[in-house]
């Protein structure tokens, strides 16, 4: 499973969306109507899912699209391997 697929699965579960609605270009707030509590839970779930790589996401600042989040997580995975 790729980083995107795992993150997509978490977002779909958390927000009750369809997989087709969660693509790399999808904006959390504008297209998925995610509020700060939703984003907080998504980020926590992602940290749990990638804990073997010690992924930590302190803030959602600058993470406006799914692609931003995938890139952020991938960078941490590479740095912590």
PDB file of N, CA and C in Angstrom:
ATOM      1  N   UNK A   1       0.849  -1.188   0.000  1.00  0.00           N
ATOM      2  CA  UNK A   1       0.000   0.000   0.000  1.00  0.00           C
ATOM      3  C   UNK A   1       0.889   1.244   0.000  1.00  0.00           C
ATOM      4  N   UNK A   2       0.586   2.177  -0.870  1.00  0.00           N
ATOM      5  CA  UNK A   2       1.377   3.403  -0.949  1.00  0.00           C
ATOM      6  C   UNK A   2       0.983   4.363   0.176  1.00  0.00           C
ATOM      7  N   UNK A   3       1.816   5.381   0.364  1.00  0.00           N
ATOM      8  CA  UNK A   3       1.511   6.413   1.355  1.00  0.00           C
ATOM      9  C   UNK A   3       0.164   7.051   1.031  1.00  0.00           C
ATOM     10  N   UNK A   4      -0.056   7.371  -0.235  1.00  0.00           N
ATOM     11  CA  UNK A   4      -1.326   7.990  -0.637  1.00  0.00           C
ATOM     12  C   UNK A   4      -2.500   7.085  -0.305  1.00  0.00           C
ATOM     13  N   UNK A   5      -2.402   5.802  -0.628  1.00  0.00           N
ATOM     14  CA  UNK A   5      -3.522   4.885  -0.391  1.00  0.00           C
ATOM     15  C   UNK A   5      -3.859   4.782   1.096  1.00  0.00           C
ATOM     16  N   UNK A   6      -2.824   4.741   1.933  1.00  0.00           N
ATOM     17  CA  UNK A   6      -3.051   4.645   3.370  1.00  0.00           C
ATOM     18  C   UNK A   6      -3.695   5.939   3.891  1.00  0.00           C
ATOM     19  N   UNK A   7      -3.187   7.078   3.437  1.00  0.00           N
ATOM     20  CA  UNK A   7      -3.751   8.368   3.854  1.00  0.00           C
ATOM     21  C   UNK A   7      -5.178   8.525   3.322  1.00  0.00           C
ATOM     22  N   UNK A   8      -5.394   8.117   2.088  1.00  0.00           N
ATOM     23  CA  UNK A   8      -6.731   8.178   1.497  1.00  0.00           C
ATOM     24  C   UNK A   8      -7.717   7.351   2.329  1.00  0.00           C
ATOM     25  N   UNK A   9      -7.305   6.163   2.728  1.00  0.00           N
ATOM     26  CA  UNK A   9      -8.153   5.284   3.531  1.00  0.00           C
ATOM     27  C   UNK A   9      -8.522   5.949   4.870  1.00  0.00           C
ATOM     28  N   UNK A  10      -7.555   6.583   5.502  1.00  0.00           N
ATOM     29  CA  UNK A  10      -7.791   7.268   6.774  1.00  0.00           C
ATOM     30  C   UNK A  10      -8.787   8.413   6.592  1.00  0.00           C
ATOM     31  N   UNK A  11      -8.609   9.206   5.545  1.00  0.00           N
ATOM     32  CA  UNK A  11      -9.502  10.339   5.288  1.00  0.00           C
ATOM     33  C   UNK A  11     -10.919   9.853   4.992  1.00  0.00           C
ATOM     34  N   UNK A  12     -11.030   8.825   4.170  1.00  0.00           N
ATOM     35  CA  UNK A  12     -12.339   8.257   3.830  1.00  0.00           C
ATOM     36  C   UNK A  12     -13.045   7.778   5.100  1.00  0.00           C
ATOM     37  N   UNK A  13     -12.321   7.050   5.954  1.00  0.00           N
ATOM     38  CA  UNK A  13     -12.904   6.547   7.203  1.00  0.00           C
ATOM     39  C   UNK A  13     -13.312   7.691   8.130  1.00  0.00           C
ATOM     40  N   UNK A  14     -12.445   8.674   8.264  1.00  0.00           N
ATOM     41  CA  UNK A  14     -12.681   9.768   9.208  1.00  0.00           C
ATOM     42  C   UNK A  14     -13.825  10.685   8.770  1.00  0.00           C
ATOM     43  N   UNK A  15     -13.881  10.987   7.487  1.00  0.00           N
ATOM     44  CA  UNK A  15     -14.858  11.972   7.001  1.00  0.00           C
ATOM     45  C   UNK A  15     -16.103  11.342   6.364  1.00  0.00           C
ATOM     46  N   UNK A  16     -16.102  10.014   6.221  1.00  0.00           N
ATOM     47  CA  UNK A  16     -17.245   9.348   5.613  1.00  0.00           C
ATOM     48  C   UNK A  16     -17.422   9.693   4.145  1.00  0.00           C
ATOM     49  N   UNK A  17     -16.302   9.893   3.461  1.00  0.00           N
ATOM     50  CA  UNK A  17     -16.338  10.240   2.033  1.00  0.00           C
ATOM     51  C   UNK A  17     -16.104   8.989   1.192  1.00  0.00           C
ATOM     52  N   UNK A  18     -16.321   9.110  -0.102  1.00  0.00           N
ATOM     53  CA  UNK A  18     -16.019   8.038  -1.043  1.00  0.00           C
ATOM     54  C   UNK A  18     -14.560   8.179  -1.491  1.00  0.00           C
ATOM     55  N   UNK A  19     -13.926   7.055  -1.846  1.00  0.00           N
ATOM     56  CA  UNK A  19     -12.531   7.106  -2.296  1.00  0.00           C
ATOM     57  C   UNK A  19     -12.338   8.066  -3.459  1.00  0.00           C
ATOM     58  N   UNK A  20     -13.300   8.112  -4.374  1.00  0.00           N
ATOM     59  CA  UNK A  20     -13.179   8.981  -5.553  1.00  0.00           C
ATOM     60  C   UNK A  20     -13.118  10.456  -5.171  1.00  0.00           C
ATOM     61  N   UNK A  21     -13.653  10.805  -4.005  1.00  0.00           N
ATOM     62  CA  UNK A  21     -13.655  12.194  -3.554  1.00  0.00           C
ATOM     63  C   UNK A  21     -12.314  12.621  -2.972  1.00  0.00           C
ATOM     64  N   UNK A  22     -11.463  11.656  -2.654  1.00  0.00           N
ATOM     65  CA  UNK A  22     -10.184  11.942  -2.000  1.00  0.00           C
ATOM     66  C   UNK A  22      -9.056  11.617  -2.974  1.00  0.00           C
ATOM     67  N   UNK A  23      -8.611  12.636  -3.695  1.00  0.00           N
ATOM     68  CA  UNK A  23      -7.516  12.498  -4.651  1.00  0.00           C
ATOM     69  C   UNK A  23      -6.352  13.383  -4.207  1.00  0.00           C
ATOM     70  N   UNK A  24      -5.230  13.292  -4.879  1.00  0.00           N
ATOM     71  CA  UNK A  24      -4.053  14.070  -4.490  1.00  0.00           C
ATOM     72  C   UNK A  24      -4.315  15.571  -4.497  1.00  0.00           C
ATOM     73  N   UNK A  25      -5.119  16.033  -5.424  1.00  0.00           N
ATOM     74  CA  UNK A  25      -5.370  17.474  -5.554  1.00  0.00           C
ATOM     75  C   UNK A  25      -6.492  17.975  -4.642  1.00  0.00           C
ATOM     76  N   UNK A  26      -7.124  17.079  -3.911  1.00  0.00           N
ATOM     77  CA  UNK A  26      -8.266  17.441  -3.072  1.00  0.00           C
ATOM     78  C   UNK A  26      -7.850  18.350  -1.919  1.00  0.00           C
ATOM     79  N   UNK A  27      -8.597  19.440  -1.744  1.00  0.00           N
ATOM     80  CA  UNK A  27      -8.364  20.384  -0.653  1.00  0.00           C
ATOM     81  C   UNK A  27      -9.221  19.967   0.541  1.00  0.00           C
ATOM     82  N   UNK A  28      -8.588  19.858   1.715  1.00  0.00           N
ATOM     83  CA  UNK A  28      -9.297  19.385   2.905  1.00  0.00           C
ATOM     84  C   UNK A  28     -10.501  20.240   3.265  1.00  0.00           C
ATOM     85  N   UNK A  29     -10.291  21.529   3.361  1.00  0.00           N
ATOM     86  CA  UNK A  29     -11.356  22.414   3.843  1.00  0.00           C
ATOM     87  C   UNK A  29     -12.387  22.730   2.756  1.00  0.00           C
ATOM     88  N   UNK A  30     -11.919  23.056   1.562  1.00  0.00           N
ATOM     89  CA  UNK A  30     -12.829  23.497   0.506  1.00  0.00           C
ATOM     90  C   UNK A  30     -13.618  22.358  -0.124  1.00  0.00           C
ATOM     91  N   UNK A  31     -12.958  21.219  -0.362  1.00  0.00           N
ATOM     92  CA  UNK A  31     -13.634  20.133  -1.077  1.00  0.00           C
ATOM     93  C   UNK A  31     -14.175  19.036  -0.162  1.00  0.00           C
ATOM     94  N   UNK A  32     -13.546  18.852   0.998  1.00  0.00           N
ATOM     95  CA  UNK A  32     -13.992  17.793   1.907  1.00  0.00           C
ATOM     96  C   UNK A  32     -14.741  18.336   3.120  1.00  0.00           C
ATOM     97  N   UNK A  33     -14.829  19.664   3.225  1.00  0.00           N
ATOM     98  CA  UNK A  33     -15.503  20.321   4.355  1.00  0.00           C
ATOM     99  C   UNK A  33     -14.954  19.856   5.707  1.00  0.00           C
ATOM    100  N   UNK A  34     -13.647  19.623   5.772  1.00  0.00           N
ATOM    101  CA  UNK A  34     -13.025  19.190   7.020  1.00  0.00           C
ATOM    102  C   UNK A  34     -12.758  20.402   7.908  1.00  0.00           C
ATOM    103  N   UNK A  35     -13.182  20.318   9.166  1.00  0.00           N
ATOM    104  CA  UNK A  35     -12.876  21.397  10.102  1.00  0.00           C
ATOM    105  C   UNK A  35     -11.599  21.048  10.867  1.00  0.00           C
ATOM    106  N   UNK A  36     -11.193  21.917  11.773  1.00  0.00           N
ATOM    107  CA  UNK A  36      -9.916  21.688  12.462  1.00  0.00           C
ATOM    108  C   UNK A  36      -9.936  20.430  13.328  1.00  0.00           C
ATOM    109  N   UNK A  37     -11.080  20.080  13.885  1.00  0.00           N
ATOM    110  CA  UNK A  37     -11.166  18.849  14.659  1.00  0.00           C
ATOM    111  C   UNK A  37     -11.007  17.620  13.757  1.00  0.00           C
ATOM    112  N   UNK A  38     -11.630  17.655  12.575  1.00  0.00           N
ATOM    113  CA  UNK A  38     -11.459  16.570  11.604  1.00  0.00           C
ATOM    114  C   UNK A  38      -9.989  16.415  11.232  1.00  0.00           C
ATOM    115  N   UNK A  39      -9.338  17.540  10.931  1.00  0.00           N
ATOM    116  CA  UNK A  39      -7.930  17.492  10.536  1.00  0.00           C
ATOM    117  C   UNK A  39      -7.058  16.973  11.668  1.00  0.00           C
ATOM    118  N   UNK A  40      -7.342  17.385  12.895  1.00  0.00           N
ATOM    119  CA  UNK A  40      -6.594  16.913  14.047  1.00  0.00           C
ATOM    120  C   UNK A  40      -6.686  15.388  14.157  1.00  0.00           C
ATOM    121  N   UNK A  41      -7.893  14.858  13.999  1.00  0.00           N
ATOM    122  CA  UNK A  41      -8.079  13.404  14.088  1.00  0.00           C
ATOM    123  C   UNK A  41      -7.394  12.687  12.931  1.00  0.00           C
ATOM    124  N   UNK A  42      -7.484  13.240  11.737  1.00  0.00           N
ATOM    125  CA  UNK A  42      -6.814  12.644  10.572  1.00  0.00           C
ATOM    126  C   UNK A  42      -5.308  12.588  10.805  1.00  0.00           C
ATOM    127  N   UNK A  43      -4.740  13.694  11.283  1.00  0.00           N
ATOM    128  CA  UNK A  43      -3.294  13.743  11.523  1.00  0.00           C
ATOM    129  C   UNK A  43      -2.880  12.748  12.612  1.00  0.00           C
ATOM    130  N   UNK A  44      -3.687  12.623  13.652  1.00  0.00           N
ATOM    131  CA  UNK A  44      -3.394  11.635  14.699  1.00  0.00           C
ATOM    132  C   UNK A  44      -3.438  10.215  14.144  1.00  0.00           C
ATOM    133  N   UNK A  45      -4.448   9.931  13.324  1.00  0.00           N
ATOM    134  CA  UNK A  45      -4.565   8.602  12.722  1.00  0.00           C
ATOM    135  C   UNK A  45      -3.390   8.305  11.798  1.00  0.00           C
ATOM    136  N   UNK A  46      -2.921   9.323  11.080  1.00  0.00           N
ATOM    137  CA  UNK A  46      -1.768   9.141  10.194  1.00  0.00           C
ATOM    138  C   UNK A  46      -0.511   8.866  11.014  1.00  0.00           C
ATOM    139  N   UNK A  47      -0.331   9.597  12.109  1.00  0.00           N
ATOM    140  CA  UNK A  47       0.823   9.336  12.982  1.00  0.00           C
ATOM    141  C   UNK A  47       0.782   7.896  13.497  1.00  0.00           C
ATOM    142  N   UNK A  48      -0.388   7.418  13.881  1.00  0.00           N
ATOM    143  CA  UNK A  48      -0.531   6.036  14.349  1.00  0.00           C
ATOM    144  C   UNK A  48      -0.217   5.038  13.231  1.00  0.00           C
ATOM    145  N   UNK A  49      -0.725   5.311  12.042  1.00  0.00           N
ATOM    146  CA  UNK A  49      -0.538   4.395  10.908  1.00  0.00           C
ATOM    147  C   UNK A  49       0.923   4.306  10.473  1.00  0.00           C
ATOM    148  N   UNK A  50       1.662   5.386  10.675  1.00  0.00           N
ATOM    149  CA  UNK A  50       3.066   5.424  10.244  1.00  0.00           C
ATOM    150  C   UNK A  50       4.019   5.484  11.435  1.00  0.00           C
ATOM    151  N   UNK A  51       3.584   4.987  12.595  1.00  0.00           N
ATOM    152  CA  UNK A  51       4.418   5.096  13.799  1.00  0.00           C
ATOM    153  C   UNK A  51       5.741   4.347  13.668  1.00  0.00           C
ATOM    154  N   UNK A  52       5.775   3.288  12.853  1.00  0.00           N
ATOM    155  CA  UNK A  52       7.035   2.561  12.671  1.00  0.00           C
ATOM    156  C   UNK A  52       8.113   3.452  12.044  1.00  0.00           C
ATOM    157  N   UNK A  53       7.693   4.519  11.375  1.00  0.00           N
ATOM    158  CA  UNK A  53       8.633   5.475  10.764  1.00  0.00           C
ATOM    159  C   UNK A  53       8.772   6.736  11.608  1.00  0.00           C
ATOM    160  N   UNK A  54       8.153   6.739  12.792  1.00  0.00           N
ATOM    161  CA  UNK A  54       8.232   7.865  13.719  1.00  0.00           C
ATOM    162  C   UNK A  54       7.746   9.174  13.085  1.00  0.00           C
ATOM    163  N   UNK A  55       6.661   9.085  12.324  1.00  0.00           N
ATOM    164  CA  UNK A  55       6.086  10.263  11.675  1.00  0.00           C
ATOM    165  C   UNK A  55       5.378  11.116  12.724  1.00  0.00           C
ATOM    166  N   UNK A  56       5.745  12.398  12.762  1.00  0.00           N
ATOM    167  CA  UNK A  56       5.122  13.356  13.674  1.00  0.00           C
ATOM    168  C   UNK A  56       4.626  14.552  12.860  1.00  0.00           C
ATOM    169  N   UNK A  57       3.384  14.924  13.085  1.00  0.00           N
ATOM    170  CA  UNK A  57       2.803  16.071  12.394  1.00  0.00           C
ATOM    171  C   UNK A  57       2.326  17.032  13.476  1.00  0.00           C
ATOM    172  N   UNK A  58       3.085  18.090  13.685  1.00  0.00           N
ATOM    173  CA  UNK A  58       2.806  19.023  14.778  1.00  0.00           C
ATOM    174  C   UNK A  58       1.658  19.978  14.469  1.00  0.00           C
ATOM    175  N   UNK A  59       1.481  20.297  13.208  1.00  0.00           N
ATOM    176  CA  UNK A  59       0.466  21.276  12.828  1.00  0.00           C
ATOM    177  C   UNK A  59      -0.034  20.975  11.428  1.00  0.00           C
ATOM    178  N   UNK A  60      -1.231  21.450  11.112  1.00  0.00           N
ATOM    179  CA  UNK A  60      -1.737  21.256   9.748  1.00  0.00           C
ATOM    180  C   UNK A  60      -1.393  22.453   8.862  1.00  0.00           C
ATOM    181  N   UNK A  61      -0.609  23.379   9.410  1.00  0.00           N
ATOM    182  CA  UNK A  61      -0.229  24.573   8.656  1.00  0.00           C
ATOM    183  C   UNK A  61       0.514  24.192   7.377  1.00  0.00           C
ATOM    184  N   UNK A  62       0.043  24.699   6.264  1.00  0.00           N
ATOM    185  CA  UNK A  62       0.681  24.418   4.987  1.00  0.00           C
ATOM    186  C   UNK A  62       0.221  23.109   4.366  1.00  0.00           C
ATOM    187  N   UNK A  63      -0.579  22.348   5.071  1.00  0.00           N
ATOM    188  CA  UNK A  63      -1.088  21.086   4.546  1.00  0.00           C
ATOM    189  C   UNK A  63      -2.534  21.300   4.107  1.00  0.00           C
ATOM    190  N   UNK A  64      -2.692  21.838   2.900  1.00  0.00           N
ATOM    191  CA  UNK A  64      -4.039  22.172   2.443  1.00  0.00           C
ATOM    192  C   UNK A  64      -4.635  21.110   1.526  1.00  0.00           C
ATOM    193  N   UNK A  65      -3.770  20.347   0.856  1.00  0.00           N
ATOM    194  CA  UNK A  65      -4.270  19.301  -0.038  1.00  0.00           C
ATOM    195  C   UNK A  65      -3.744  17.943   0.409  1.00  0.00           C
ATOM    196  N   UNK A  66      -4.342  16.909  -0.124  1.00  0.00           N
ATOM    197  CA  UNK A  66      -3.891  15.544   0.170  1.00  0.00           C
ATOM    198  C   UNK A  66      -2.443  15.384  -0.286  1.00  0.00           C
ATOM    199  N   UNK A  67      -2.080  15.972  -1.415  1.00  0.00           N
ATOM    200  CA  UNK A  67      -0.701  15.898  -1.914  1.00  0.00           C
ATOM    201  C   UNK A  67       0.279  16.505  -0.916  1.00  0.00           C
ATOM    202  N   UNK A  68      -0.070  17.638  -0.320  1.00  0.00           N
ATOM    203  CA  UNK A  68       0.793  18.259   0.694  1.00  0.00           C
ATOM    204  C   UNK A  68       1.064  17.289   1.837  1.00  0.00           C
ATOM    205  N   UNK A  69       0.021  16.609   2.266  1.00  0.00           N
ATOM    206  CA  UNK A  69       0.137  15.675   3.382  1.00  0.00           C
ATOM    207  C   UNK A  69       0.969  14.450   2.995  1.00  0.00           C
ATOM    208  N   UNK A  70       0.737  13.909   1.814  1.00  0.00           N
ATOM    209  CA  UNK A  70       1.513  12.759   1.331  1.00  0.00           C
ATOM    210  C   UNK A  70       2.992  13.128   1.244  1.00  0.00           C
ATOM    211  N   UNK A  71       3.303  14.291   0.680  1.00  0.00           N
ATOM    212  CA  UNK A  71       4.701  14.735   0.562  1.00  0.00           C
ATOM    213  C   UNK A  71       5.344  14.876   1.939  1.00  0.00           C
ATOM    214  N   UNK A  72       4.607  15.453   2.891  1.00  0.00           N
ATOM    215  CA  UNK A  72       5.112  15.658   4.249  1.00  0.00           C
ATOM    216  C   UNK A  72       5.443  14.316   4.904  1.00  0.00           C
ATOM    217  N   UNK A  73       4.523  13.368   4.798  1.00  0.00           N
ATOM    218  CA  UNK A  73       4.728  12.045   5.400  1.00  0.00           C
ATOM    219  C   UNK A  73       5.878  11.316   4.708  1.00  0.00           C
ATOM    220  N   UNK A  74       5.919  11.359   3.379  1.00  0.00           N
ATOM    221  CA  UNK A  74       7.005  10.697   2.644  1.00  0.00           C
ATOM    222  C   UNK A  74       8.376  11.232   3.048  1.00  0.00           C
ATOM    223  N   UNK A  75       8.485  12.543   3.223  1.00  0.00           N
ATOM    224  CA  UNK A  75       9.767  13.137   3.641  1.00  0.00           C
ATOM    225  C   UNK A  75      10.200  12.612   5.005  1.00  0.00           C
ATOM    226  N   UNK A  76       9.228  12.489   5.919  1.00  0.00           N
ATOM    227  CA  UNK A  76       9.563  11.964   7.251  1.00  0.00           C
ATOM    228  C   UNK A  76       9.945  10.491   7.204  1.00  0.00           C
ATOM    229  N   UNK A  77       9.254   9.724   6.370  1.00  0.00           N
ATOM    230  CA  UNK A  77       9.585   8.298   6.241  1.00  0.00           C
ATOM    231  C   UNK A  77      11.010   8.144   5.739  1.00  0.00           C
ATOM    232  N   UNK A  78      11.367   8.903   4.719  1.00  0.00           N
ATOM    233  CA  UNK A  78      12.735   8.829   4.164  1.00  0.00           C
ATOM    234  C   UNK A  78      13.748   9.261   5.193  1.00  0.00           C
ATOM    235  N   UNK A  79      13.463  10.328   5.930  1.00  0.00           N
ATOM    236  CA  UNK A  79      14.400  10.842   6.923  1.00  0.00           C
ATOM    237  C   UNK A  79      14.591   9.890   8.102  1.00  0.00           C
ATOM    238  N   UNK A  80      13.574   9.094   8.407  1.00  0.00           N
ATOM    239  CA  UNK A  80      13.625   8.230   9.582  1.00  0.00           C
ATOM    240  C   UNK A  80      13.910   6.765   9.279  1.00  0.00           C
ATOM    241  N   UNK A  81      14.232   6.447   8.034  1.00  0.00           N
ATOM    242  CA  UNK A  81      14.520   5.056   7.680  1.00  0.00           C
ATOM    243  C   UNK A  81      15.869   4.648   8.232  1.00  0.00           C
TER     244      UNK A  81
END
